[in-house]
Structures are given as C-alpha cells and as structure tokens.
Amino acid sequence: MDSICTALSSLVKRLPENVFVVIIVDGLKFSSQPEKRERQMRVMISHLVAMFQAQLAAVATLKLPLASTARSVGLEDVFDDNELLSIQRALPTGPDNDVA
C-alpha cells in the first residue's frame, strides 16, 4: 500500500497546473472490515489526505471526496473537524420541510 501511495503522490506532483485530479473513495466503512483491511485503508486515506493538505506545493489540483454509508469511527481522527460532513439518513420533518 505504501508503494502505491508513493507512486500516486509522485505522479500527481509531476502533472501540469491545468490538471484536476479527482480521486473518489466510496464505501469507507465497507472497505474497512475486517481489522487488517482497516489498517490498510487507514494508510491509504492518511496518505491521500496528506497529499490533499500539501497541495499548495503541488502544481495540479487534487479533489478528494470520500464517502461512507455509515460512520467510519476508525478513520475519523485522520481528518480535521472542518473536513468532515455528516448528512442525516432521513430529512427532518416539520412544516418547513413538507414535500408536495
């Protein structure tokens, strides 16, 4: 996993400034089970987040949307609080949220 992440980082750093790299990782919770895969996923996500946070020094623009259908408690400490977005499973009910 480390060698794949290092190669990806090296590739992104060599891209010209007009390039956008979008890496979508979906199913974090599903891909983090059993424990061995959680460690591997943690290495990969940590590396991708570090690449994203360091992109000021990079030339290409990196977009990194990560998604999970359930809370990924084992990975939450990789992110800053402002980097997490929690969306409720059900919309709130009430007069302001009625669907016609």
N, C-alpha and C. Protein backbone atom coordinates (compact mmCIF):
# COMPACT_ATOMS: atom_id res chain seq x y z
N MET A 1 0.83 -1.19 0.00
CA MET A 1 0.00 0.00 0.00
C MET A 1 0.88 1.25 0.00
N ASP A 2 1.96 1.23 0.77
CA ASP A 2 2.85 2.39 0.83
C ASP A 2 3.44 2.71 -0.55
N SER A 3 3.86 1.67 -1.27
CA SER A 3 4.48 1.92 -2.58
C SER A 3 3.47 2.47 -3.58
N ILE A 4 2.23 2.01 -3.52
CA ILE A 4 1.18 2.53 -4.40
C ILE A 4 0.92 4.00 -4.09
N CYS A 5 0.82 4.34 -2.81
CA CYS A 5 0.58 5.72 -2.41
C CYS A 5 1.74 6.64 -2.79
N THR A 6 2.95 6.15 -2.63
CA THR A 6 4.13 6.94 -3.01
C THR A 6 4.16 7.19 -4.51
N ALA A 7 3.86 6.15 -5.29
CA ALA A 7 3.82 6.30 -6.75
C ALA A 7 2.74 7.29 -7.17
N LEU A 8 1.57 7.21 -6.56
CA LEU A 8 0.48 8.14 -6.88
C LEU A 8 0.87 9.57 -6.55
N SER A 9 1.47 9.76 -5.41
CA SER A 9 1.92 11.10 -5.00
C SER A 9 2.94 11.66 -5.98
N SER A 10 3.87 10.84 -6.38
CA SER A 10 4.90 11.26 -7.34
C SER A 10 4.27 11.65 -8.68
N LEU A 11 3.29 10.87 -9.11
CA LEU A 11 2.60 11.15 -10.37
C LEU A 11 1.86 12.48 -10.31
N VAL A 12 1.12 12.71 -9.23
CA VAL A 12 0.34 13.94 -9.10
C VAL A 12 1.25 15.16 -9.07
N LYS A 13 2.39 15.05 -8.41
CA LYS A 13 3.33 16.18 -8.32
C LYS A 13 3.91 16.56 -9.68
N ARG A 14 3.92 15.63 -10.62
CA ARG A 14 4.50 15.89 -11.94
C ARG A 14 3.51 16.43 -12.97
N LEU A 15 2.24 16.51 -12.60
CA LEU A 15 1.22 16.96 -13.54
C LEU A 15 1.24 18.48 -13.68
N PRO A 16 0.87 18.99 -14.85
CA PRO A 16 0.85 20.45 -15.05
C PRO A 16 -0.29 21.10 -14.25
N GLU A 17 -0.19 22.43 -14.10
CA GLU A 17 -1.12 23.16 -13.24
C GLU A 17 -2.55 23.20 -13.77
N ASN A 18 -2.77 22.94 -15.03
CA ASN A 18 -4.13 22.99 -15.57
C ASN A 18 -4.87 21.66 -15.40
N VAL A 19 -4.30 20.73 -14.66
CA VAL A 19 -4.90 19.40 -14.47
C VAL A 19 -5.60 19.32 -13.12
N PHE A 20 -6.80 18.75 -13.13
CA PHE A 20 -7.54 18.44 -11.91
C PHE A 20 -7.54 16.93 -11.76
N VAL A 21 -7.11 16.46 -10.62
CA VAL A 21 -7.13 15.03 -10.32
C VAL A 21 -8.23 14.79 -9.30
N VAL A 22 -9.21 13.97 -9.66
CA VAL A 22 -10.31 13.66 -8.76
C VAL A 22 -10.19 12.19 -8.36
N ILE A 23 -10.02 11.97 -7.07
CA ILE A 23 -9.93 10.61 -6.53
C ILE A 23 -11.14 10.42 -5.63
N ILE A 24 -12.06 9.57 -6.05
CA ILE A 24 -13.29 9.32 -5.28
C ILE A 24 -13.13 7.97 -4.58
N VAL A 25 -13.28 8.00 -3.27
CA VAL A 25 -13.23 6.77 -2.48
C VAL A 25 -14.60 6.63 -1.83
N ASP A 26 -15.32 5.59 -2.20
CA ASP A 26 -16.66 5.35 -1.67
C ASP A 26 -16.66 4.05 -0.89
N GLY A 27 -17.51 3.95 0.10
CA GLY A 27 -17.62 2.72 0.87
C GLY A 27 -16.52 2.54 1.89
N LEU A 28 -16.13 3.63 2.55
CA LEU A 28 -15.05 3.54 3.54
C LEU A 28 -15.35 2.50 4.62
N LYS A 29 -16.56 2.51 5.13
CA LYS A 29 -16.93 1.58 6.20
C LYS A 29 -16.85 0.14 5.70
N PHE A 30 -17.40 -0.12 4.53
CA PHE A 30 -17.38 -1.47 3.97
C PHE A 30 -15.96 -1.94 3.71
N SER A 31 -15.11 -1.04 3.20
CA SER A 31 -13.73 -1.40 2.86
C SER A 31 -12.82 -1.47 4.07
N SER A 32 -13.33 -1.11 5.25
CA SER A 32 -12.51 -1.08 6.46
C SER A 32 -12.77 -2.28 7.37
N GLN A 33 -13.34 -3.34 6.83
CA GLN A 33 -13.63 -4.53 7.62
C GLN A 33 -13.06 -5.74 6.90
N PRO A 34 -12.36 -6.63 7.49
CA PRO A 34 -12.01 -6.78 8.89
C PRO A 34 -10.87 -5.85 9.29
N GLU A 35 -10.32 -6.05 10.48
CA GLU A 35 -9.33 -5.14 11.06
C GLU A 35 -8.10 -4.95 10.18
N LYS A 36 -7.64 -6.00 9.51
CA LYS A 36 -6.45 -5.89 8.64
C LYS A 36 -6.72 -4.89 7.51
N ARG A 37 -7.90 -4.97 6.91
CA ARG A 37 -8.24 -4.02 5.85
C ARG A 37 -8.41 -2.61 6.39
N GLU A 38 -8.86 -2.49 7.63
CA GLU A 38 -8.99 -1.16 8.23
C GLU A 38 -7.62 -0.50 8.34
N ARG A 39 -6.61 -1.25 8.73
CA ARG A 39 -5.25 -0.68 8.80
C ARG A 39 -4.77 -0.25 7.42
N GLN A 40 -5.02 -1.08 6.41
CA GLN A 40 -4.61 -0.73 5.05
C GLN A 40 -5.37 0.50 4.54
N MET A 41 -6.66 0.54 4.81
CA MET A 41 -7.48 1.69 4.40
C MET A 41 -6.99 2.95 5.12
N ARG A 42 -6.64 2.82 6.37
CA ARG A 42 -6.14 3.96 7.14
C ARG A 42 -4.85 4.50 6.53
N VAL A 43 -3.94 3.62 6.12
CA VAL A 43 -2.70 4.05 5.47
C VAL A 43 -3.02 4.80 4.20
N MET A 44 -3.91 4.24 3.38
CA MET A 44 -4.26 4.88 2.11
C MET A 44 -4.93 6.23 2.33
N ILE A 45 -5.92 6.29 3.20
CA ILE A 45 -6.65 7.54 3.45
C ILE A 45 -5.72 8.57 4.06
N SER A 46 -4.88 8.17 4.99
CA SER A 46 -3.92 9.10 5.60
C SER A 46 -3.00 9.70 4.54
N HIS A 47 -2.55 8.87 3.63
CA HIS A 47 -1.67 9.35 2.58
C HIS A 47 -2.41 10.30 1.62
N LEU A 48 -3.61 9.94 1.23
CA LEU A 48 -4.39 10.80 0.33
C LEU A 48 -4.71 12.14 0.99
N VAL A 49 -5.06 12.12 2.26
CA VAL A 49 -5.37 13.36 2.98
C VAL A 49 -4.11 14.22 3.09
N ALA A 50 -2.97 13.61 3.36
CA ALA A 50 -1.71 14.35 3.43
C ALA A 50 -1.40 14.98 2.07
N MET A 51 -1.65 14.24 0.98
CA MET A 51 -1.45 14.80 -0.37
C MET A 51 -2.37 15.99 -0.58
N PHE A 52 -3.61 15.86 -0.17
CA PHE A 52 -4.59 16.94 -0.34
C PHE A 52 -4.17 18.17 0.46
N GLN A 53 -3.76 17.97 1.72
CA GLN A 53 -3.39 19.08 2.58
C GLN A 53 -2.12 19.77 2.10
N ALA A 54 -1.26 19.04 1.40
CA ALA A 54 0.01 19.60 0.93
C ALA A 54 -0.08 20.11 -0.50
N GLN A 55 -1.26 20.17 -1.07
CA GLN A 55 -1.37 20.52 -2.48
C GLN A 55 -0.98 21.96 -2.78
N LEU A 56 -0.77 22.78 -1.78
CA LEU A 56 -0.30 24.14 -2.03
C LEU A 56 1.06 24.12 -2.72
N ALA A 57 1.86 23.09 -2.41
CA ALA A 57 3.18 22.97 -3.03
C ALA A 57 3.10 22.25 -4.37
N ALA A 58 1.98 21.62 -4.62
CA ALA A 58 1.82 20.86 -5.87
C ALA A 58 1.37 21.79 -6.99
N VAL A 59 1.46 21.32 -8.20
CA VAL A 59 1.05 22.11 -9.35
C VAL A 59 -0.39 21.77 -9.73
N ALA A 60 -0.73 20.48 -9.82
CA ALA A 60 -2.09 20.06 -10.18
C ALA A 60 -3.02 20.27 -8.98
N THR A 61 -4.31 20.36 -9.26
CA THR A 61 -5.32 20.50 -8.21
C THR A 61 -5.88 19.13 -7.89
N LEU A 62 -5.89 18.77 -6.62
CA LEU A 62 -6.37 17.47 -6.18
C LEU A 62 -7.72 17.63 -5.49
N LYS A 63 -8.71 16.88 -5.94
CA LYS A 63 -10.03 16.83 -5.32
C LYS A 63 -10.19 15.44 -4.73
N LEU A 64 -10.63 15.37 -3.48
CA LEU A 64 -10.64 14.09 -2.77
C LEU A 64 -11.94 13.88 -2.00
N PRO A 65 -13.04 13.56 -2.70
CA PRO A 65 -14.28 13.23 -1.98
C PRO A 65 -14.24 11.78 -1.48
N LEU A 66 -14.51 11.62 -0.19
CA LEU A 66 -14.55 10.31 0.44
C LEU A 66 -15.95 10.11 0.99
N ALA A 67 -16.50 8.91 0.87
CA ALA A 67 -17.87 8.68 1.30
C ALA A 67 -18.02 7.34 2.01
N SER A 68 -19.00 7.31 2.89
CA SER A 68 -19.31 6.09 3.61
C SER A 68 -20.80 6.11 3.95
N THR A 69 -21.44 4.96 3.85
CA THR A 69 -22.86 4.89 4.20
C THR A 69 -23.07 4.89 5.70
N ALA A 70 -22.02 4.60 6.45
CA ALA A 70 -22.08 4.59 7.91
C ALA A 70 -20.84 5.30 8.44
N ARG A 71 -20.92 5.68 9.66
CA ARG A 71 -19.81 6.38 10.30
C ARG A 71 -18.58 5.48 10.36
N SER A 72 -17.43 6.00 9.95
CA SER A 72 -16.18 5.26 9.97
C SER A 72 -15.33 5.74 11.13
N VAL A 73 -15.68 5.26 12.31
CA VAL A 73 -15.05 5.73 13.54
C VAL A 73 -13.54 5.54 13.51
N GLY A 74 -13.07 4.45 12.96
CA GLY A 74 -11.64 4.17 12.92
C GLY A 74 -10.84 5.10 12.04
N LEU A 75 -11.50 5.88 11.20
CA LEU A 75 -10.80 6.78 10.28
C LEU A 75 -11.01 8.26 10.60
N GLU A 76 -11.91 8.57 11.52
CA GLU A 76 -12.28 9.96 11.76
C GLU A 76 -11.12 10.82 12.25
N ASP A 77 -10.19 10.25 12.99
CA ASP A 77 -9.09 11.06 13.53
C ASP A 77 -8.08 11.46 12.46
N VAL A 78 -8.21 10.93 11.25
CA VAL A 78 -7.34 11.31 10.14
C VAL A 78 -7.69 12.73 9.65
N PHE A 79 -8.92 13.14 9.89
CA PHE A 79 -9.43 14.40 9.35
C PHE A 79 -9.53 15.48 10.43
N ASP A 80 -9.43 16.74 10.01
CA ASP A 80 -9.76 17.86 10.88
C ASP A 80 -11.28 17.95 10.95
N ASP A 81 -11.80 18.58 12.02
CA ASP A 81 -13.25 18.69 12.17
C ASP A 81 -13.92 19.37 10.98
N ASN A 82 -13.27 20.36 10.39
CA ASN A 82 -13.87 21.08 9.27
C ASN A 82 -13.81 20.29 7.96
N GLU A 83 -13.18 19.13 7.97
CA GLU A 83 -13.09 18.30 6.77
C GLU A 83 -14.15 17.20 6.74
N LEU A 84 -14.95 17.11 7.80
CA LEU A 84 -15.99 16.09 7.87
C LEU A 84 -17.37 16.71 7.67
N LEU A 85 -18.18 16.05 6.88
CA LEU A 85 -19.56 16.47 6.67
C LEU A 85 -20.46 15.28 6.97
N SER A 86 -21.32 15.44 7.95
CA SER A 86 -22.25 14.37 8.29
C SER A 86 -23.63 14.74 7.75
N ILE A 87 -24.22 13.82 7.04
CA ILE A 87 -25.55 14.03 6.48
C ILE A 87 -26.48 13.01 7.12
N GLN A 88 -27.59 13.50 7.65
CA GLN A 88 -28.55 12.62 8.30
C GLN A 88 -29.14 11.65 7.30
N ARG A 89 -29.50 10.46 7.78
CA ARG A 89 -30.11 9.45 6.91
C ARG A 89 -31.50 9.87 6.45
N ALA A 90 -32.25 10.55 7.33
CA ALA A 90 -33.61 10.97 7.00
C ALA A 90 -33.71 12.49 7.13
N LEU A 91 -34.48 13.08 6.26
CA LEU A 91 -34.70 14.52 6.33
C LEU A 91 -35.55 14.85 7.55
N PRO A 92 -35.31 16.00 8.17
CA PRO A 92 -36.14 16.41 9.31
C PRO A 92 -37.59 16.61 8.86
N THR A 93 -38.51 16.33 9.75
CA THR A 93 -39.93 16.54 9.42
C THR A 93 -40.40 17.82 10.07
N GLY A 94 -41.41 18.38 9.51
CA GLY A 94 -41.97 19.61 10.05
C GLY A 94 -42.58 20.43 8.94
N PRO A 95 -43.28 21.51 9.29
CA PRO A 95 -43.99 22.32 8.27
C PRO A 95 -43.05 22.94 7.23
N ASP A 96 -41.83 23.25 7.62
CA ASP A 96 -40.90 23.86 6.66
C ASP A 96 -40.27 22.84 5.71
N ASN A 97 -40.42 21.56 6.01
CA ASN A 97 -39.78 20.52 5.21
C ASN A 97 -40.76 19.57 4.53
N ASP A 98 -42.02 19.97 4.45
CA ASP A 98 -43.03 19.12 3.78
C ASP A 98 -42.72 19.04 2.31
N VAL A 99 -42.86 17.86 1.77
CA VAL A 99 -42.66 17.64 0.34
C VAL A 99 -44.02 17.58 -0.32
N ALA A 100 -44.20 18.36 -1.35
CA ALA A 100 -45.50 18.41 -2.04
C ALA A 100 -45.63 17.28 -3.04
